[in-house]
Protein backbone atom coordinates (compact mmCIF):
# COMPACT_ATOMS: atom_id res chain seq x y z
CA UNK A 1 -17.67 85.14 15.44
CA UNK A 2 -16.16 87.63 17.91
CA UNK A 3 -12.73 87.26 19.50
CA UNK A 4 -14.01 85.85 22.82
CA UNK A 5 -16.08 83.20 21.05
CA UNK A 6 -13.09 82.25 18.91
CA UNK A 7 -10.83 82.01 21.98
CA UNK A 8 -13.41 79.84 23.77
CA UNK A 9 -13.52 77.51 20.77
CA UNK A 10 -9.73 77.20 20.77
CA UNK A 11 -9.75 76.36 24.49
CA UNK A 12 -12.35 73.63 23.97
CA UNK A 13 -10.34 72.02 21.17
CA UNK A 14 -7.13 72.24 23.23
CA UNK A 15 -8.74 70.64 26.25
CA UNK A 16 -9.90 67.69 24.12
CA UNK A 17 -6.56 67.12 22.39
CA UNK A 18 -4.55 64.24 23.79
CA UNK A 19 -0.78 64.25 24.12
CA UNK A 20 0.84 60.95 23.15
CA UNK A 21 4.40 60.04 24.14
CA UNK A 22 5.96 57.32 22.00
CA UNK A 23 8.84 55.40 23.53
CA UNK A 24 11.23 53.53 21.19
CA UNK A 25 12.57 50.73 23.36
CA UNK A 26 16.24 50.54 24.36
CA UNK A 27 18.91 52.73 22.70
CA UNK A 28 22.63 53.49 22.88
CA UNK A 29 24.65 50.71 24.47
CA UNK A 30 21.39 48.96 25.38
CA UNK A 31 20.70 47.30 22.03
CA UNK A 32 17.80 45.09 23.09
CA UNK A 33 17.21 41.90 21.11
CA UNK A 34 19.59 41.10 18.25
CA UNK A 35 18.40 39.48 15.03
CA UNK A 36 20.33 37.98 12.12
CA UNK A 37 19.24 38.33 8.50
CA UNK A 38 21.62 35.61 7.26
CA UNK A 39 22.77 32.23 8.55
CA UNK A 40 26.32 33.41 9.23
CA UNK A 41 25.10 36.31 11.37
CA UNK A 42 27.06 38.91 9.44
CA UNK A 43 23.94 41.03 8.87
CA UNK A 44 22.72 41.85 12.36
CA UNK A 45 19.73 44.01 13.21
CA UNK A 46 19.19 45.50 16.66
CA UNK A 47 15.85 45.94 18.38
CA UNK A 48 16.78 49.52 19.35
CA UNK A 49 17.01 50.48 15.66
CA UNK A 50 13.79 48.75 14.61
CA UNK A 51 11.94 50.34 17.53
CA UNK A 52 13.17 53.81 16.61
CA UNK A 53 12.26 53.39 12.93
CA UNK A 54 8.73 52.30 13.76
CA UNK A 55 8.28 54.91 16.51
CA UNK A 56 9.20 57.71 14.09
CA UNK A 57 6.66 56.43 11.57
CA UNK A 58 3.95 56.23 14.26
CA UNK A 59 4.77 59.78 15.33
CA UNK A 60 4.47 60.97 11.73
CA UNK A 61 1.02 59.40 11.45
CA UNK A 62 -0.24 60.43 14.90
CA UNK A 63 0.97 64.00 14.53
CA UNK A 64 -1.70 64.50 11.87
CA UNK A 65 -4.33 64.09 14.59
CA UNK A 66 -2.86 65.01 17.97
CA UNK A 67 0.24 66.27 19.78
CA UNK A 68 2.94 63.62 19.73
CA UNK A 69 6.46 63.29 21.17
CA UNK A 70 9.27 60.73 21.18
CA UNK A 71 11.31 59.78 24.25
CA UNK A 72 14.31 59.61 21.92
CA UNK A 73 14.85 60.48 18.27
CA UNK A 74 18.48 59.28 18.14
CA UNK A 75 20.39 56.14 19.06
CA UNK A 76 21.01 57.03 22.69
CA UNK A 77 20.34 55.43 26.05
CA UNK A 78 17.36 56.88 27.93
CA UNK A 79 16.81 55.61 31.48
CA UNK A 80 13.39 54.54 32.70
CA UNK A 81 13.31 57.56 35.00
CA UNK A 82 14.15 59.92 32.14
CA UNK A 83 11.30 58.46 30.11
CA UNK A 84 8.96 58.97 33.07
CA UNK A 85 10.18 62.53 33.62
CA UNK A 86 9.56 63.34 29.97
CA UNK A 87 6.00 62.04 30.28
CA UNK A 88 5.47 64.55 33.08
CA UNK A 89 7.23 67.34 31.19
CA UNK A 90 5.08 67.06 28.05
CA UNK A 91 1.97 66.29 30.15
CA UNK A 92 1.36 63.08 28.22
CA UNK A 93 -2.09 61.51 28.33
CA UNK A 94 -1.04 58.23 26.70
CA UNK A 95 2.23 56.31 26.59
CA UNK A 96 3.24 53.84 23.85
CA UNK A 97 6.39 51.75 24.26
CA UNK A 98 7.59 50.09 21.05
CA UNK A 99 9.56 46.84 21.18
CA UNK A 100 10.44 43.75 19.18
CA UNK A 101 10.47 40.32 20.79
CA UNK A 102 13.08 37.58 21.05
CA UNK A 103 13.23 33.97 22.20
CA UNK A 104 15.82 31.16 22.54
CA UNK A 105 13.38 29.18 20.39
CA UNK A 106 14.07 30.52 16.89
CA UNK A 107 10.64 29.27 15.76
CA UNK A 108 8.78 31.60 18.16
CA UNK A 109 6.84 34.23 16.26
CA UNK A 110 3.92 36.64 16.52
CA UNK A 111 2.61 40.06 17.54
CA UNK A 112 1.68 40.88 21.17
CA UNK A 113 0.11 43.85 22.95
CA UNK A 114 0.61 44.43 26.67
CA UNK A 115 -1.12 46.77 29.10
CA UNK A 116 -0.05 47.34 32.71
CA UNK A 117 -1.69 44.88 35.08
CA UNK A 118 -0.86 41.90 37.27
CA UNK A 119 -0.57 38.48 35.65
CA UNK A 120 0.43 34.90 36.39
CA UNK A 121 1.26 33.73 32.88
CA UNK A 122 4.71 32.10 32.64
CA UNK A 123 5.31 33.18 29.02
CA UNK A 124 4.41 36.78 29.84
CA UNK A 125 6.77 36.76 32.82
CA UNK A 126 9.65 35.92 30.47
CA UNK A 127 8.89 39.05 28.42
CA UNK A 128 8.64 41.09 31.63
CA UNK A 129 12.07 39.91 32.76
CA UNK A 130 13.59 40.86 29.41
CA UNK A 131 12.12 44.37 29.38
CA UNK A 132 12.71 45.02 33.11
CA UNK A 133 16.26 43.69 32.89
CA UNK A 134 18.22 46.61 34.34
CA UNK A 135 16.21 47.07 37.55
CA UNK A 136 17.44 45.53 40.80
CA UNK A 137 17.75 46.05 44.53
CA UNK A 138 16.01 49.00 46.14
CA UNK A 139 14.96 50.41 42.76
CA UNK A 140 13.13 47.19 41.97
CA UNK A 141 11.26 47.19 45.29
CA UNK A 142 10.18 50.82 44.88
CA UNK A 143 8.91 50.13 41.38
CA UNK A 144 7.00 47.05 42.52
CA UNK A 145 5.13 49.27 45.00
CA UNK A 146 4.58 51.89 42.29
CA UNK A 147 3.13 49.29 39.92
CA UNK A 148 0.36 48.40 42.36
CA UNK A 149 -0.60 52.06 42.73
CA UNK A 150 -0.50 52.89 39.03
CA UNK A 151 -2.40 49.77 37.97
CA UNK A 152 -5.43 50.91 39.94
CA UNK A 153 -5.41 54.29 38.18
CA UNK A 154 -4.68 53.23 34.61
CA UNK A 155 -5.78 49.66 33.96
CA UNK A 156 -9.28 50.46 32.69
CA UNK A 157 -8.16 52.94 30.03
CA UNK A 158 -5.05 50.93 29.13
CA UNK A 159 -7.18 47.86 28.47
CA UNK A 160 -9.55 49.91 26.34
CA UNK A 161 -6.66 51.41 24.40
CA UNK A 162 -5.22 47.96 23.76
CA UNK A 163 -8.56 46.81 22.31
CA UNK A 164 -8.75 49.71 19.87
CA UNK A 165 -5.14 49.29 18.71
CA UNK A 166 -5.51 45.51 18.41
CA UNK A 167 -8.57 45.83 16.16
CA UNK A 168 -6.66 48.08 13.75
CA UNK A 169 -3.52 45.94 13.79
CA UNK A 170 -5.23 42.58 13.12
CA UNK A 171 -5.63 43.08 9.34
CA UNK A 172 -1.95 44.05 9.01
CA UNK A 173 -0.56 41.02 10.80
CA UNK A 174 -3.02 38.73 9.02
CA UNK A 175 -1.97 40.13 5.62
CA UNK A 176 1.70 39.58 6.51
CA UNK A 177 1.08 36.10 7.94
CA UNK A 178 2.23 37.03 11.43
CA UNK A 179 0.59 35.18 14.30
CA UNK A 180 -1.76 37.19 16.52
CA UNK A 181 -0.69 36.41 20.08
CA UNK A 182 -3.31 38.78 21.42
CA UNK A 183 -3.63 41.26 24.27
CA UNK A 184 -2.02 40.43 27.61
CA UNK A 185 -1.52 42.02 31.03
CA UNK A 186 2.08 42.57 32.08
CA UNK A 187 4.13 44.27 34.81
CA UNK A 188 6.40 46.59 32.85
CA UNK A 189 8.11 49.30 34.85
CA UNK A 190 8.40 51.65 31.88
CA UNK A 191 4.58 51.71 31.81
CA UNK A 192 4.30 52.04 35.59
CA UNK A 193 6.79 54.91 35.78
CA UNK A 194 4.97 56.82 33.03
CA UNK A 195 1.91 56.86 35.34
CA UNK A 196 -0.36 57.09 32.28
CA UNK A 197 -2.63 54.70 30.44
CA UNK A 198 -0.37 52.99 27.96
CA UNK A 199 0.71 49.99 25.97
CA UNK A 200 3.87 48.03 25.36
CA UNK A 201 3.91 46.65 21.82
CA UNK A 202 5.98 43.60 20.86
CA UNK A 203 5.75 43.82 17.08
CA UNK A 204 7.45 40.54 16.15
CA UNK A 205 10.33 38.17 16.95
CA UNK A 206 13.73 39.28 15.69
CA UNK A 207 15.08 35.87 16.77
CA UNK A 208 12.96 34.33 13.99
CA UNK A 209 14.81 35.10 10.75
CA UNK A 210 11.71 34.83 8.55
CA UNK A 211 9.72 37.17 10.80
CA UNK A 212 12.66 39.55 11.10
CA UNK A 213 12.75 39.93 7.32
CA UNK A 214 9.03 40.79 7.34
CA UNK A 215 9.11 43.38 10.14
CA UNK A 216 12.29 44.97 8.74
CA UNK A 217 10.55 45.94 5.49
CA UNK A 218 9.57 49.61 5.10
CA UNK A 219 6.21 48.55 3.66
CA UNK A 220 5.39 46.56 6.79
CA UNK A 221 6.62 49.37 9.05
CA UNK A 222 4.38 51.86 7.22
CA UNK A 223 1.34 49.59 7.52
CA UNK A 224 1.98 48.89 11.20
CA UNK A 225 2.52 52.57 12.00
CA UNK A 226 -0.75 53.53 10.33
CA UNK A 227 -2.62 50.73 12.13
CA UNK A 228 -1.28 51.59 15.60
CA UNK A 229 -1.90 55.29 14.99
CA UNK A 230 -5.43 54.60 13.78
CA UNK A 231 -6.18 52.58 16.92
CA UNK A 232 -4.89 55.35 19.18
CA UNK A 233 -6.94 57.98 17.32
CA UNK A 234 -10.06 55.80 17.59
CA UNK A 235 -9.52 55.53 21.35
CA UNK A 236 -8.98 59.29 21.68
CA UNK A 237 -12.15 60.05 19.71
CA UNK A 238 -14.13 57.61 21.85
CA UNK A 239 -12.67 59.11 25.03
CA UNK A 240 -13.82 62.62 24.08
């Protein structure tokens, strides 16, 4: 193989490679949901820490197959706009936002996958309000307009991506006796601002002490990271 042929081959491979940006939810003073491992509440676990742990594991798995970045690798606050700017900077093709759920009802439990689209489900709107918490006023109006524009461009691939990831995750949540709450549309501004096909993952409920103990285990985190990564890789291979 001569040099030009080799260079052409490299360019083909590079053009097919997808860049994935993984976004660990919250960070810094924005702790997200707070879970308690004991009845007295002396052993607290924050969503921001769980999200970062899982995101790092997903990155480790995905990096074996494609170019992967994190929006944060430390416990620091990253604004929605900073996350969006980073997606542009690294020229991300896909955006994964990692979260853990919470509810006033301590019996609520289960795994959920969201892609950016309009919805009218009351339960989903509660999750939207929790994840869009810091937006208000003019910023909120601008982002509502942006959502409508981005949905048209990304919804098809985001829905496909959610299907691939969901198929790989199902055996993991079944094995760990976590309810499958399925794939749902949702209006999340972190997905809209990224302007890429993407997912927001709610891995489990930290407000449910039994579920918190499950999702906090390294074994579960490893299994979930491999499953999510496998689903993303399957989507990328199909997209080629």
